Structure formats: C-alpha cells, structure tokens
Amino acid sequence: MEKLFSYGTLQLEQVQLDTFGRLLEGQADTLQGYVIGEVEISDAAVLKSSGQRFHPALIKTGLATDTVTGTIFTITAEELANADNYEVDDYVRVEEIFSCGINAWVYVAKSLI
C-alpha cells in the first residue's frame, strides 16, 4: 500500500470518485517547510472533475514555520498511478516525512520547485 498526502482537490469527493472509483479514508497531518501557491489547470478532464481552474500547489521553502495541513490517504499502487494521471504535467510527485513521522507521497508544483 502507498501513502499519499492531499492538501487540495484530491480531498474532493467527486475527484476521488473520478480518480479512484471510491471515496478515500485518511488521517489529518501536517507537512513542514512548504507553503501553498497555485497553478492554472488546462486539462479538460481535470477541470471537469474538480470544477476549479486554479488548483493549490505546494512550494518548498524549507522553513519549519511554514506548514500545510491536509490528509494522508492509504491507496494502492494502481490508485497512485491514477493520481499521477490526474495531476498531469503541472505537478511532480515527491516523498516527504510528515508530522506524524511517516513518509508519504505529495504532489508539488513542477514549475515552482
């Protein structure tokens, strides 16, 4: 099983149903050293699913005082591949350590890293 941190549209019920075919369960957590910016989405399927033209995107600052809250979901490897497809080319997936002490994948803005 994989761990995936969501701070944005992957927390939306419709996006979860469209991307994973089910609603996800997870635990709240915090990531240090990042702030939230945004990217403009042009992919028609992603726009239809989220209903949002601008999506949040993490920007790494490295400062312990900068934190982002969200949810860590436990998903399958196949579901992680589905998430990669949803996030398109505007994001890159990286692994980080979270406040709870576990490692999880998270999507950050490719153009902002």
PDB file of N, CA and C in Angstrom:
ATOM      1  N   MET A   1       0.844  -1.192   0.000  1.00  0.00           N
ATOM      2  CA  MET A   1       0.000   0.000   0.000  1.00  0.00           C
ATOM      3  C   MET A   1       0.886   1.251   0.000  1.00  0.00           C
ATOM      4  N   GLU A   2       0.348   2.312  -0.553  1.00  0.00           N
ATOM      5  CA  GLU A   2       1.045   3.584  -0.661  1.00  0.00           C
ATOM      6  C   GLU A   2       0.374   4.623   0.235  1.00  0.00           C
ATOM      7  N   LYS A   3       1.148   5.608   0.660  1.00  0.00           N
ATOM      8  CA  LYS A   3       0.624   6.742   1.426  1.00  0.00           C
ATOM      9  C   LYS A   3       0.704   7.968   0.530  1.00  0.00           C
ATOM     10  N   LEU A   4      -0.405   8.717   0.457  1.00  0.00           N
ATOM     11  CA  LEU A   4      -0.478   9.921  -0.378  1.00  0.00           C
ATOM     12  C   LEU A   4      -1.087  11.053   0.422  1.00  0.00           C
ATOM     13  N   PHE A   5      -0.371  12.168   0.488  1.00  0.00           N
ATOM     14  CA  PHE A   5      -0.832  13.363   1.196  1.00  0.00           C
ATOM     15  C   PHE A   5      -1.571  14.266   0.220  1.00  0.00           C
ATOM     16  N   SER A   6      -2.769  14.676   0.606  1.00  0.00           N
ATOM     17  CA  SER A   6      -3.540  15.618  -0.197  1.00  0.00           C
ATOM     18  C   SER A   6      -3.824  16.865   0.613  1.00  0.00           C
ATOM     19  N   TYR A   7      -3.609  18.000  -0.026  1.00  0.00           N
ATOM     20  CA  TYR A   7      -3.869  19.309   0.579  1.00  0.00           C
ATOM     21  C   TYR A   7      -4.832  20.109  -0.285  1.00  0.00           C
ATOM     22  N   GLY A   8      -5.330  19.476  -1.350  1.00  0.00           N
ATOM     23  CA  GLY A   8      -6.155  20.214  -2.306  1.00  0.00           C
ATOM     24  C   GLY A   8      -7.274  19.380  -2.877  1.00  0.00           C
ATOM     25  N   THR A   9      -7.357  19.359  -4.214  1.00  0.00           N
ATOM     26  CA  THR A   9      -8.535  18.806  -4.879  1.00  0.00           C
ATOM     27  C   THR A   9      -8.685  17.298  -4.729  1.00  0.00           C
ATOM     28  N   LEU A  10      -7.627  16.578  -4.408  1.00  0.00           N
ATOM     29  CA  LEU A  10      -7.779  15.136  -4.188  1.00  0.00           C
ATOM     30  C   LEU A  10      -8.584  14.836  -2.922  1.00  0.00           C
ATOM     31  N   GLN A  11      -8.904  15.848  -2.149  1.00  0.00           N
ATOM     32  CA  GLN A  11      -9.767  15.674  -0.984  1.00  0.00           C
ATOM     33  C   GLN A  11     -11.248  15.805  -1.361  1.00  0.00           C
ATOM     34  N   LEU A  12     -11.540  16.290  -2.567  1.00  0.00           N
ATOM     35  CA  LEU A  12     -12.920  16.476  -3.008  1.00  0.00           C
ATOM     36  C   LEU A  12     -13.541  15.132  -3.363  1.00  0.00           C
ATOM     37  N   GLU A  13     -14.780  14.911  -2.913  1.00  0.00           N
ATOM     38  CA  GLU A  13     -15.455  13.636  -3.155  1.00  0.00           C
ATOM     39  C   GLU A  13     -15.533  13.301  -4.642  1.00  0.00           C
ATOM     40  N   GLN A  14     -15.940  14.264  -5.490  1.00  0.00           N
ATOM     41  CA  GLN A  14     -16.082  13.984  -6.916  1.00  0.00           C
ATOM     42  C   GLN A  14     -14.751  13.615  -7.547  1.00  0.00           C
ATOM     43  N   VAL A  15     -13.685  14.292  -7.148  1.00  0.00           N
ATOM     44  CA  VAL A  15     -12.354  13.978  -7.685  1.00  0.00           C
ATOM     45  C   VAL A  15     -11.944  12.571  -7.263  1.00  0.00           C
ATOM     46  N   GLN A  16     -12.211  12.197  -6.016  1.00  0.00           N
ATOM     47  CA  GLN A  16     -11.878  10.846  -5.559  1.00  0.00           C
ATOM     48  C   GLN A  16     -12.659   9.799  -6.355  1.00  0.00           C
ATOM     49  N   LEU A  17     -13.955  10.027  -6.552  1.00  0.00           N
ATOM     50  CA  LEU A  17     -14.758   9.072  -7.315  1.00  0.00           C
ATOM     51  C   LEU A  17     -14.265   8.965  -8.755  1.00  0.00           C
ATOM     52  N   ASP A  18     -13.952  10.093  -9.379  1.00  0.00           N
ATOM     53  CA  ASP A  18     -13.470  10.091 -10.761  1.00  0.00           C
ATOM     54  C   ASP A  18     -12.081   9.461 -10.883  1.00  0.00           C
ATOM     55  N   THR A  19     -11.220   9.688  -9.904  1.00  0.00           N
ATOM     56  CA  THR A  19      -9.831   9.257  -9.971  1.00  0.00           C
ATOM     57  C   THR A  19      -9.629   7.836  -9.453  1.00  0.00           C
ATOM     58  N   PHE A  20     -10.307   7.498  -8.361  1.00  0.00           N
ATOM     59  CA  PHE A  20     -10.069   6.210  -7.699  1.00  0.00           C
ATOM     60  C   PHE A  20     -11.267   5.263  -7.749  1.00  0.00           C
ATOM     61  N   GLY A  21     -12.429   5.777  -8.134  1.00  0.00           N
ATOM     62  CA  GLY A  21     -13.618   4.950  -8.166  1.00  0.00           C
ATOM     63  C   GLY A  21     -14.215   4.675  -6.803  1.00  0.00           C
ATOM     64  N   ARG A  22     -13.743   5.389  -5.810  1.00  0.00           N
ATOM     65  CA  ARG A  22     -14.229   5.221  -4.437  1.00  0.00           C
ATOM     66  C   ARG A  22     -13.863   6.450  -3.625  1.00  0.00           C
ATOM     67  N   LEU A  23     -14.477   6.566  -2.452  1.00  0.00           N
ATOM     68  CA  LEU A  23     -14.096   7.621  -1.513  1.00  0.00           C
ATOM     69  C   LEU A  23     -12.979   7.097  -0.632  1.00  0.00           C
ATOM     70  N   LEU A  24     -11.984   7.933  -0.385  1.00  0.00           N
ATOM     71  CA  LEU A  24     -10.817   7.533   0.402  1.00  0.00           C
ATOM     72  C   LEU A  24     -11.001   7.865   1.877  1.00  0.00           C
ATOM     73  N   GLU A  25     -10.347   7.082   2.718  1.00  0.00           N
ATOM     74  CA  GLU A  25     -10.280   7.374   4.145  1.00  0.00           C
ATOM     75  C   GLU A  25      -8.843   7.737   4.463  1.00  0.00           C
ATOM     76  N   GLY A  26      -8.679   8.684   5.384  1.00  0.00           N
ATOM     77  CA  GLY A  26      -7.323   9.093   5.714  1.00  0.00           C
ATOM     78  C   GLY A  26      -7.245   9.729   7.074  1.00  0.00           C
ATOM     79  N   GLN A  27      -6.043  10.204   7.395  1.00  0.00           N
ATOM     80  CA  GLN A  27      -5.795  10.860   8.671  1.00  0.00           C
ATOM     81  C   GLN A  27      -5.208  12.242   8.427  1.00  0.00           C
ATOM     82  N   ALA A  28      -5.647  13.188   9.224  1.00  0.00           N
ATOM     83  CA  ALA A  28      -5.129  14.554   9.114  1.00  0.00           C
ATOM     84  C   ALA A  28      -3.660  14.571   9.492  1.00  0.00           C
ATOM     85  N   ASP A  29      -2.893  15.391   8.792  1.00  0.00           N
ATOM     86  CA  ASP A  29      -1.483  15.541   9.116  1.00  0.00           C
ATOM     87  C   ASP A  29      -0.984  16.883   8.596  1.00  0.00           C
ATOM     88  N   THR A  30       0.264  17.187   8.938  1.00  0.00           N
ATOM     89  CA  THR A  30       0.877  18.468   8.582  1.00  0.00           C
ATOM     90  C   THR A  30       2.239  18.230   7.949  1.00  0.00           C
ATOM     91  N   LEU A  31       2.544  19.015   6.939  1.00  0.00           N
ATOM     92  CA  LEU A  31       3.846  18.985   6.279  1.00  0.00           C
ATOM     93  C   LEU A  31       4.550  20.301   6.554  1.00  0.00           C
ATOM     94  N   GLN A  32       5.770  20.222   7.061  1.00  0.00           N
ATOM     95  CA  GLN A  32       6.553  21.432   7.348  1.00  0.00           C
ATOM     96  C   GLN A  32       7.438  21.767   6.157  1.00  0.00           C
ATOM     97  N   GLY A  33       7.745  23.069   6.029  1.00  0.00           N
ATOM     98  CA  GLY A  33       8.688  23.523   5.019  1.00  0.00           C
ATOM     99  C   GLY A  33       8.080  23.849   3.677  1.00  0.00           C
ATOM    100  N   TYR A  34       6.762  23.969   3.626  1.00  0.00           N
ATOM    101  CA  TYR A  34       6.066  24.298   2.385  1.00  0.00           C
ATOM    102  C   TYR A  34       5.008  25.354   2.632  1.00  0.00           C
ATOM    103  N   VAL A  35       4.668  26.088   1.565  1.00  0.00           N
ATOM    104  CA  VAL A  35       3.508  26.972   1.535  1.00  0.00           C
ATOM    105  C   VAL A  35       2.690  26.607   0.299  1.00  0.00           C
ATOM    106  N   ILE A  36       1.447  27.077   0.259  1.00  0.00           N
ATOM    107  CA  ILE A  36       0.579  26.774  -0.871  1.00  0.00           C
ATOM    108  C   ILE A  36       0.527  27.955  -1.833  1.00  0.00           C
ATOM    109  N   GLY A  37       0.823  27.658  -3.094  1.00  0.00           N
ATOM    110  CA  GLY A  37       0.621  28.594  -4.195  1.00  0.00           C
ATOM    111  C   GLY A  37      -0.496  28.032  -5.061  1.00  0.00           C
ATOM    112  N   GLU A  38      -0.484  28.344  -6.343  1.00  0.00           N
ATOM    113  CA  GLU A  38      -1.495  27.772  -7.222  1.00  0.00           C
ATOM    114  C   GLU A  38      -0.965  27.648  -8.640  1.00  0.00           C
ATOM    115  N   VAL A  39      -1.564  26.720  -9.375  1.00  0.00           N
ATOM    116  CA  VAL A  39      -1.267  26.554 -10.792  1.00  0.00           C
ATOM    117  C   VAL A  39      -2.583  26.588 -11.559  1.00  0.00           C
ATOM    118  N   GLU A  40      -2.514  27.071 -12.793  1.00  0.00           N
ATOM    119  CA  GLU A  40      -3.693  27.083 -13.645  1.00  0.00           C
ATOM    120  C   GLU A  40      -3.772  25.764 -14.391  1.00  0.00           C
ATOM    121  N   ILE A  41      -4.929  25.143 -14.342  1.00  0.00           N
ATOM    122  CA  ILE A  41      -5.142  23.839 -14.958  1.00  0.00           C
ATOM    123  C   ILE A  41      -5.781  24.020 -16.326  1.00  0.00           C
ATOM    124  N   SER A  42      -5.250  23.299 -17.325  1.00  0.00           N
ATOM    125  CA  SER A  42      -5.808  23.377 -18.675  1.00  0.00           C
ATOM    126  C   SER A  42      -6.361  22.035 -19.147  1.00  0.00           C
ATOM    127  N   ASP A  43      -6.070  20.957 -18.435  1.00  0.00           N
ATOM    128  CA  ASP A  43      -6.551  19.624 -18.809  1.00  0.00           C
ATOM    129  C   ASP A  43      -8.069  19.549 -18.626  1.00  0.00           C
ATOM    130  N   ALA A  44      -8.786  19.239 -19.700  1.00  0.00           N
ATOM    131  CA  ALA A  44     -10.255  19.263 -19.681  1.00  0.00           C
ATOM    132  C   ALA A  44     -10.842  18.276 -18.680  1.00  0.00           C
ATOM    133  N   ALA A  45     -10.288  17.074 -18.585  1.00  0.00           N
ATOM    134  CA  ALA A  45     -10.824  16.067 -17.656  1.00  0.00           C
ATOM    135  C   ALA A  45     -10.631  16.499 -16.208  1.00  0.00           C
ATOM    136  N   VAL A  46      -9.491  17.081 -15.904  1.00  0.00           N
ATOM    137  CA  VAL A  46      -9.221  17.545 -14.537  1.00  0.00           C
ATOM    138  C   VAL A  46     -10.139  18.718 -14.199  1.00  0.00           C
ATOM    139  N   LEU A  47     -10.315  19.629 -15.148  1.00  0.00           N
ATOM    140  CA  LEU A  47     -11.223  20.764 -14.934  1.00  0.00           C
ATOM    141  C   LEU A  47     -12.649  20.286 -14.678  1.00  0.00           C
ATOM    142  N   LYS A  48     -13.085  19.295 -15.444  1.00  0.00           N
ATOM    143  CA  LYS A  48     -14.441  18.767 -15.268  1.00  0.00           C
ATOM    144  C   LYS A  48     -14.601  18.112 -13.894  1.00  0.00           C
ATOM    145  N   SER A  49     -13.609  17.353 -13.479  1.00  0.00           N
ATOM    146  CA  SER A  49     -13.692  16.631 -12.208  1.00  0.00           C
ATOM    147  C   SER A  49     -13.664  17.573 -11.012  1.00  0.00           C
ATOM    148  N   SER A  50     -12.734  18.520 -11.024  1.00  0.00           N
ATOM    149  CA  SER A  50     -12.564  19.402  -9.865  1.00  0.00           C
ATOM    150  C   SER A  50     -13.500  20.610  -9.898  1.00  0.00           C
ATOM    151  N   GLY A  51     -13.871  21.038 -11.101  1.00  0.00           N
ATOM    152  CA  GLY A  51     -14.673  22.245 -11.225  1.00  0.00           C
ATOM    153  C   GLY A  51     -13.903  23.515 -10.914  1.00  0.00           C
ATOM    154  N   GLN A  52     -12.568  23.400 -10.883  1.00  0.00           N
ATOM    155  CA  GLN A  52     -11.728  24.544 -10.499  1.00  0.00           C
ATOM    156  C   GLN A  52     -10.630  24.770 -11.538  1.00  0.00           C
ATOM    157  N   ARG A  53     -10.513  26.010 -12.005  1.00  0.00           N
ATOM    158  CA  ARG A  53      -9.486  26.365 -12.983  1.00  0.00           C
ATOM    159  C   ARG A  53      -8.110  26.485 -12.332  1.00  0.00           C
ATOM    160  N   PHE A  54      -8.075  26.923 -11.086  1.00  0.00           N
ATOM    161  CA  PHE A  54      -6.816  27.056 -10.359  1.00  0.00           C
ATOM    162  C   PHE A  54      -6.785  26.041  -9.226  1.00  0.00           C
ATOM    163  N   HIS A  55      -5.690  25.290  -9.157  1.00  0.00           N
ATOM    164  CA  HIS A  55      -5.522  24.283  -8.109  1.00  0.00           C
ATOM    165  C   HIS A  55      -4.386  24.692  -7.186  1.00  0.00           C
ATOM    166  N   PRO A  56      -4.484  24.346  -5.902  1.00  0.00           N
ATOM    167  CA  PRO A  56      -3.388  24.627  -4.995  1.00  0.00           C
ATOM    168  C   PRO A  56      -2.146  23.830  -5.402  1.00  0.00           C
ATOM    169  N   ALA A  57      -0.987  24.387  -5.120  1.00  0.00           N
ATOM    170  CA  ALA A  57       0.275  23.736  -5.452  1.00  0.00           C
ATOM    171  C   ALA A  57       1.308  24.084  -4.393  1.00  0.00           C
ATOM    172  N   LEU A  58       2.003  23.079  -3.904  1.00  0.00           N
ATOM    173  CA  LEU A  58       2.994  23.319  -2.858  1.00  0.00           C
ATOM    174  C   LEU A  58       4.269  23.918  -3.410  1.00  0.00           C
ATOM    175  N   ILE A  59       4.826  24.848  -2.633  1.00  0.00           N
ATOM    176  CA  ILE A  59       6.107  25.478  -2.930  1.00  0.00           C
ATOM    177  C   ILE A  59       7.001  25.233  -1.725  1.00  0.00           C
ATOM    178  N   LYS A  60       8.163  24.621  -1.957  1.00  0.00           N
ATOM    179  CA  LYS A  60       9.077  24.304  -0.853  1.00  0.00           C
ATOM    180  C   LYS A  60       9.839  25.548  -0.422  1.00  0.00           C
ATOM    181  N   THR A  61       9.773  25.831   0.880  1.00  0.00           N
ATOM    182  CA  THR A  61      10.525  26.946   1.453  1.00  0.00           C
ATOM    183  C   THR A  61      11.656  26.461   2.340  1.00  0.00           C
ATOM    184  N   GLY A  62      11.488  25.265   2.910  1.00  0.00           N
ATOM    185  CA  GLY A  62      12.471  24.726   3.844  1.00  0.00           C
ATOM    186  C   GLY A  62      12.371  25.312   5.242  1.00  0.00           C
ATOM    187  N   LEU A  63      11.436  26.224   5.471  1.00  0.00           N
ATOM    188  CA  LEU A  63      11.287  26.872   6.776  1.00  0.00           C
ATOM    189  C   LEU A  63      10.328  26.068   7.660  1.00  0.00           C
ATOM    190  N   ALA A  64      10.759  25.733   8.865  1.00  0.00           N
ATOM    191  CA  ALA A  64       9.932  24.950   9.784  1.00  0.00           C
ATOM    192  C   ALA A  64       8.650  25.678  10.167  1.00  0.00           C
ATOM    193  N   THR A  65       8.656  26.998  10.048  1.00  0.00           N
ATOM    194  CA  THR A  65       7.462  27.778  10.400  1.00  0.00           C
ATOM    195  C   THR A  65       6.393  27.734   9.314  1.00  0.00           C
ATOM    196  N   ASP A  66       6.769  27.299   8.109  1.00  0.00           N
ATOM    197  CA  ASP A  66       5.799  27.169   7.009  1.00  0.00           C
ATOM    198  C   ASP A  66       5.213  25.767   7.054  1.00  0.00           C
ATOM    199  N   THR A  67       3.891  25.671   7.195  1.00  0.00           N
ATOM    200  CA  THR A  67       3.245  24.362   7.284  1.00  0.00           C
ATOM    201  C   THR A  67       2.002  24.322   6.399  1.00  0.00           C
ATOM    202  N   VAL A  68       1.688  23.122   5.973  1.00  0.00           N
ATOM    203  CA  VAL A  68       0.495  22.865   5.169  1.00  0.00           C
ATOM    204  C   VAL A  68      -0.239  21.698   5.811  1.00  0.00           C
ATOM    205  N   THR A  69      -1.527  21.871   6.051  1.00  0.00           N
ATOM    206  CA  THR A  69      -2.329  20.778   6.594  1.00  0.00           C
ATOM    207  C   THR A  69      -3.082  20.088   5.471  1.00  0.00           C
ATOM    208  N   GLY A  70      -3.349  18.821   5.697  1.00  0.00           N
ATOM    209  CA  GLY A  70      -4.071  18.027   4.711  1.00  0.00           C
ATOM    210  C   GLY A  70      -4.383  16.667   5.272  1.00  0.00           C
ATOM    211  N   THR A  71      -4.506  15.700   4.379  1.00  0.00           N
ATOM    212  CA  THR A  71      -4.881  14.351   4.761  1.00  0.00           C
ATOM    213  C   THR A  71      -3.958  13.350   4.094  1.00  0.00           C
ATOM    214  N   ILE A  72      -3.507  12.356   4.870  1.00  0.00           N
ATOM    215  CA  ILE A  72      -2.742  11.248   4.309  1.00  0.00           C
ATOM    216  C   ILE A  72      -3.700  10.091   4.068  1.00  0.00           C
ATOM    217  N   PHE A  73      -3.774   9.668   2.802  1.00  0.00           N
ATOM    218  CA  PHE A  73      -4.624   8.557   2.400  1.00  0.00           C
ATOM    219  C   PHE A  73      -3.767   7.321   2.153  1.00  0.00           C
ATOM    220  N   THR A  74      -4.308   6.164   2.459  1.00  0.00           N
ATOM    221  CA  THR A  74      -3.672   4.895   2.109  1.00  0.00           C
ATOM    222  C   THR A  74      -4.349   4.382   0.854  1.00  0.00           C
ATOM    223  N   ILE A  75      -3.550   4.196  -0.211  1.00  0.00           N
ATOM    224  CA  ILE A  75      -4.096   3.796  -1.509  1.00  0.00           C
ATOM    225  C   ILE A  75      -3.226   2.684  -2.091  1.00  0.00           C
ATOM    226  N   THR A  76      -3.732   2.063  -3.139  1.00  0.00           N
ATOM    227  CA  THR A  76      -2.981   1.021  -3.832  1.00  0.00           C
ATOM    228  C   THR A  76      -1.994   1.643  -4.813  1.00  0.00           C
ATOM    229  N   ALA A  77      -1.069   0.820  -5.322  1.00  0.00           N
ATOM    230  CA  ALA A  77      -0.128   1.289  -6.339  1.00  0.00           C
ATOM    231  C   ALA A  77      -0.878   1.715  -7.604  1.00  0.00           C
ATOM    232  N   GLU A  78      -1.934   0.988  -7.957  1.00  0.00           N
ATOM    233  CA  GLU A  78      -2.742   1.350  -9.125  1.00  0.00           C
ATOM    234  C   GLU A  78      -3.426   2.703  -8.909  1.00  0.00           C
ATOM    235  N   GLU A  79      -3.932   2.938  -7.706  1.00  0.00           N
ATOM    236  CA  GLU A  79      -4.566   4.223  -7.406  1.00  0.00           C
ATOM    237  C   GLU A  79      -3.547   5.357  -7.429  1.00  0.00           C
ATOM    238  N   LEU A  80      -2.319   5.073  -7.011  1.00  0.00           N
ATOM    239  CA  LEU A  80      -1.268   6.091  -7.079  1.00  0.00           C
ATOM    240  C   LEU A  80      -0.988   6.455  -8.536  1.00  0.00           C
ATOM    241  N   ALA A  81      -0.979   5.466  -9.415  1.00  0.00           N
ATOM    242  CA  ALA A  81      -0.810   5.740 -10.850  1.00  0.00           C
ATOM    243  C   ALA A  81      -1.969   6.580 -11.375  1.00  0.00           C
ATOM    244  N   ASN A  82      -3.190   6.314 -10.895  1.00  0.00           N
ATOM    245  CA  ASN A  82      -4.347   7.129 -11.281  1.00  0.00           C
ATOM    246  C   ASN A  82      -4.177   8.570 -10.809  1.00  0.00           C
ATOM    247  N   ALA A  83      -3.640   8.748  -9.599  1.00  0.00           N
ATOM    248  CA  ALA A  83      -3.388  10.090  -9.084  1.00  0.00           C
ATOM    249  C   ALA A  83      -2.339  10.801  -9.937  1.00  0.00           C
ATOM    250  N   ASP A  84      -1.305  10.064 -10.373  1.00  0.00           N
ATOM    251  CA  ASP A  84      -0.293  10.653 -11.267  1.00  0.00           C
ATOM    252  C   ASP A  84      -0.949  11.179 -12.538  1.00  0.00           C
ATOM    253  N   ASN A  85      -1.884  10.420 -13.087  1.00  0.00           N
ATOM    254  CA  ASN A  85      -2.582  10.859 -14.302  1.00  0.00           C
ATOM    255  C   ASN A  85      -3.443  12.087 -14.041  1.00  0.00           C
ATOM    256  N   TYR A  86      -4.095  12.128 -12.890  1.00  0.00           N
ATOM    257  CA  TYR A  86      -4.944  13.271 -12.537  1.00  0.00           C
ATOM    258  C   TYR A  86      -4.110  14.543 -12.400  1.00  0.00           C
ATOM    259  N   GLU A  87      -2.954  14.447 -11.765  1.00  0.00           N
ATOM    260  CA  GLU A  87      -2.130  15.627 -11.500  1.00  0.00           C
ATOM    261  C   GLU A  87      -1.427  16.158 -12.739  1.00  0.00           C
ATOM    262  N   VAL A  88      -1.469  15.453 -13.824  1.00  0.00           N
ATOM    263  CA  VAL A  88      -0.902  15.846 -15.121  1.00  0.00           C
ATOM    264  C   VAL A  88       0.508  16.416 -14.996  1.00  0.00           C
ATOM    265  N   ASP A  89       0.916  17.190 -15.989  1.00  0.00           N
ATOM    266  CA  ASP A  89       2.296  17.666 -16.059  1.00  0.00           C
ATOM    267  C   ASP A  89       2.581  18.899 -15.211  1.00  0.00           C
ATOM    268  N   ASP A  90       1.567  19.438 -14.556  1.00  0.00           N
ATOM    269  CA  ASP A  90       1.770  20.628 -13.740  1.00  0.00           C
ATOM    270  C   ASP A  90       2.412  20.321 -12.393  1.00  0.00           C
ATOM    271  N   TYR A  91       2.448  19.037 -12.040  1.00  0.00           N
ATOM    272  CA  TYR A  91       2.944  18.614 -10.730  1.00  0.00           C
ATOM    273  C   TYR A  91       3.997  17.527 -10.876  1.00  0.00           C
ATOM    274  N   VAL A  92       4.808  17.397  -9.840  1.00  0.00           N
ATOM    275  CA  VAL A  92       5.744  16.289  -9.719  1.00  0.00           C
ATOM    276  C   VAL A  92       5.515  15.660  -8.343  1.00  0.00           C
ATOM    277  N   ARG A  93       5.593  14.332  -8.277  1.00  0.00           N
ATOM    278  CA  ARG A  93       5.372  13.622  -7.015  1.00  0.00           C
ATOM    279  C   ARG A  93       6.710  13.424  -6.311  1.00  0.00           C
ATOM    280  N   VAL A  94       6.761  13.829  -5.037  1.00  0.00           N
ATOM    281  CA  VAL A  94       7.959  13.657  -4.210  1.00  0.00           C
ATOM    282  C   VAL A  94       7.552  12.986  -2.895  1.00  0.00           C
ATOM    283  N   GLU A  95       8.521  12.376  -2.240  1.00  0.00           N
ATOM    284  CA  GLU A  95       8.269  11.751  -0.948  1.00  0.00           C
ATOM    285  C   GLU A  95       8.790  12.665   0.161  1.00  0.00           C
ATOM    286  N   GLU A  96       7.987  12.855   1.181  1.00  0.00           N
ATOM    287  CA  GLU A  96       8.356  13.702   2.314  1.00  0.00           C
ATOM    288  C   GLU A  96       8.014  12.991   3.624  1.00  0.00           C
ATOM    289  N   ILE A  97       8.575  13.489   4.717  1.00  0.00           N
ATOM    290  CA  ILE A  97       8.267  12.990   6.058  1.00  0.00           C
ATOM    291  C   ILE A  97       7.285  13.970   6.699  1.00  0.00           C
ATOM    292  N   PHE A  98       6.239  13.428   7.301  1.00  0.00           N
ATOM    293  CA  PHE A  98       5.172  14.245   7.858  1.00  0.00           C
ATOM    294  C   PHE A  98       5.251  14.314   9.376  1.00  0.00           C
ATOM    295  N   SER A  99       4.464  15.204   9.954  1.00  0.00           N
ATOM    296  CA  SER A  99       4.498  15.447  11.400  1.00  0.00           C
ATOM    297  C   SER A  99       4.288  14.180  12.212  1.00  0.00           C
ATOM    298  N   CYS A 100       3.480  13.255  11.704  1.00  0.00           N
ATOM    299  CA  CYS A 100       3.220  12.007  12.421  1.00  0.00           C
ATOM    300  C   CYS A 100       4.411  11.059  12.366  1.00  0.00           C
ATOM    301  N   GLY A 101       5.425  11.389  11.557  1.00  0.00           N
ATOM    302  CA  GLY A 101       6.632  10.574  11.474  1.00  0.00           C
ATOM    303  C   GLY A 101       6.658   9.587  10.325  1.00  0.00           C
ATOM    304  N   ILE A 102       5.600   9.533   9.511  1.00  0.00           N
ATOM    305  CA  ILE A 102       5.610   8.604   8.391  1.00  0.00           C
ATOM    306  C   ILE A 102       5.969   9.324   7.095  1.00  0.00           C
ATOM    307  N   ASN A 103       6.441   8.536   6.137  1.00  0.00           N
ATOM    308  CA  ASN A 103       6.726   9.055   4.802  1.00  0.00           C
ATOM    309  C   ASN A 103       5.488   8.890   3.941  1.00  0.00           C
ATOM    310  N   ALA A 104       5.242   9.863   3.078  1.00  0.00           N
ATOM    311  CA  ALA A 104       4.128   9.786   2.145  1.00  0.00           C
ATOM    312  C   ALA A 104       4.494  10.563   0.889  1.00  0.00           C
ATOM    313  N   TRP A 105       3.835  10.204  -0.202  1.00  0.00           N
ATOM    314  CA  TRP A 105       3.978  10.936  -1.449  1.00  0.00           C
ATOM    315  C   TRP A 105       3.161  12.226  -1.372  1.00  0.00           C
ATOM    316  N   VAL A 106       3.627  13.239  -2.071  1.00  0.00           N
ATOM    317  CA  VAL A 106       2.898  14.505  -2.163  1.00  0.00           C
ATOM    318  C   VAL A 106       3.232  15.128  -3.515  1.00  0.00           C
ATOM    319  N   TYR A 107       2.256  15.807  -4.089  1.00  0.00           N
ATOM    320  CA  TYR A 107       2.460  16.485  -5.365  1.00  0.00           C
ATOM    321  C   TYR A 107       2.812  17.942  -5.124  1.00  0.00           C
ATOM    322  N   VAL A 108       3.896  18.381  -5.755  1.00  0.00           N
ATOM    323  CA  VAL A 108       4.318  19.782  -5.665  1.00  0.00           C
ATOM    324  C   VAL A 108       4.318  20.367  -7.080  1.00  0.00           C
ATOM    325  N   ALA A 109       4.217  21.661  -7.167  1.00  0.00           N
ATOM    326  CA  ALA A 109       4.188  22.329  -8.474  1.00  0.00           C
ATOM    327  C   ALA A 109       5.525  22.172  -9.167  1.00  0.00           C
ATOM    328  N   LYS A 110       5.504  21.594 -10.347  1.00  0.00           N
ATOM    329  CA  LYS A 110       6.729  21.365 -11.100  1.00  0.00           C
ATOM    330  C   LYS A 110       7.429  22.674 -11.453  1.00  0.00           C
ATOM    331  N   SER A 111       6.647  23.672 -11.839  1.00  0.00           N
ATOM    332  CA  SER A 111       7.240  24.945 -12.252  1.00  0.00           C
ATOM    333  C   SER A 111       7.711  25.803 -11.084  1.00  0.00           C
ATOM    334  N   LEU A 112       7.367  25.395  -9.856  1.00  0.00           N
ATOM    335  CA  LEU A 112       7.712  26.198  -8.689  1.00  0.00           C
ATOM    336  C   LEU A 112       8.788  25.561  -7.809  1.00  0.00           C
ATOM    337  N   ILE A 113       9.346  24.392  -8.234  1.00  0.00           N
ATOM    338  CA  ILE A 113      10.373  23.744  -7.408  1.00  0.00           C
ATOM    339  C   ILE A 113      11.766  24.168  -7.828  1.00  0.00           C
TER     340      ILE A 113
END
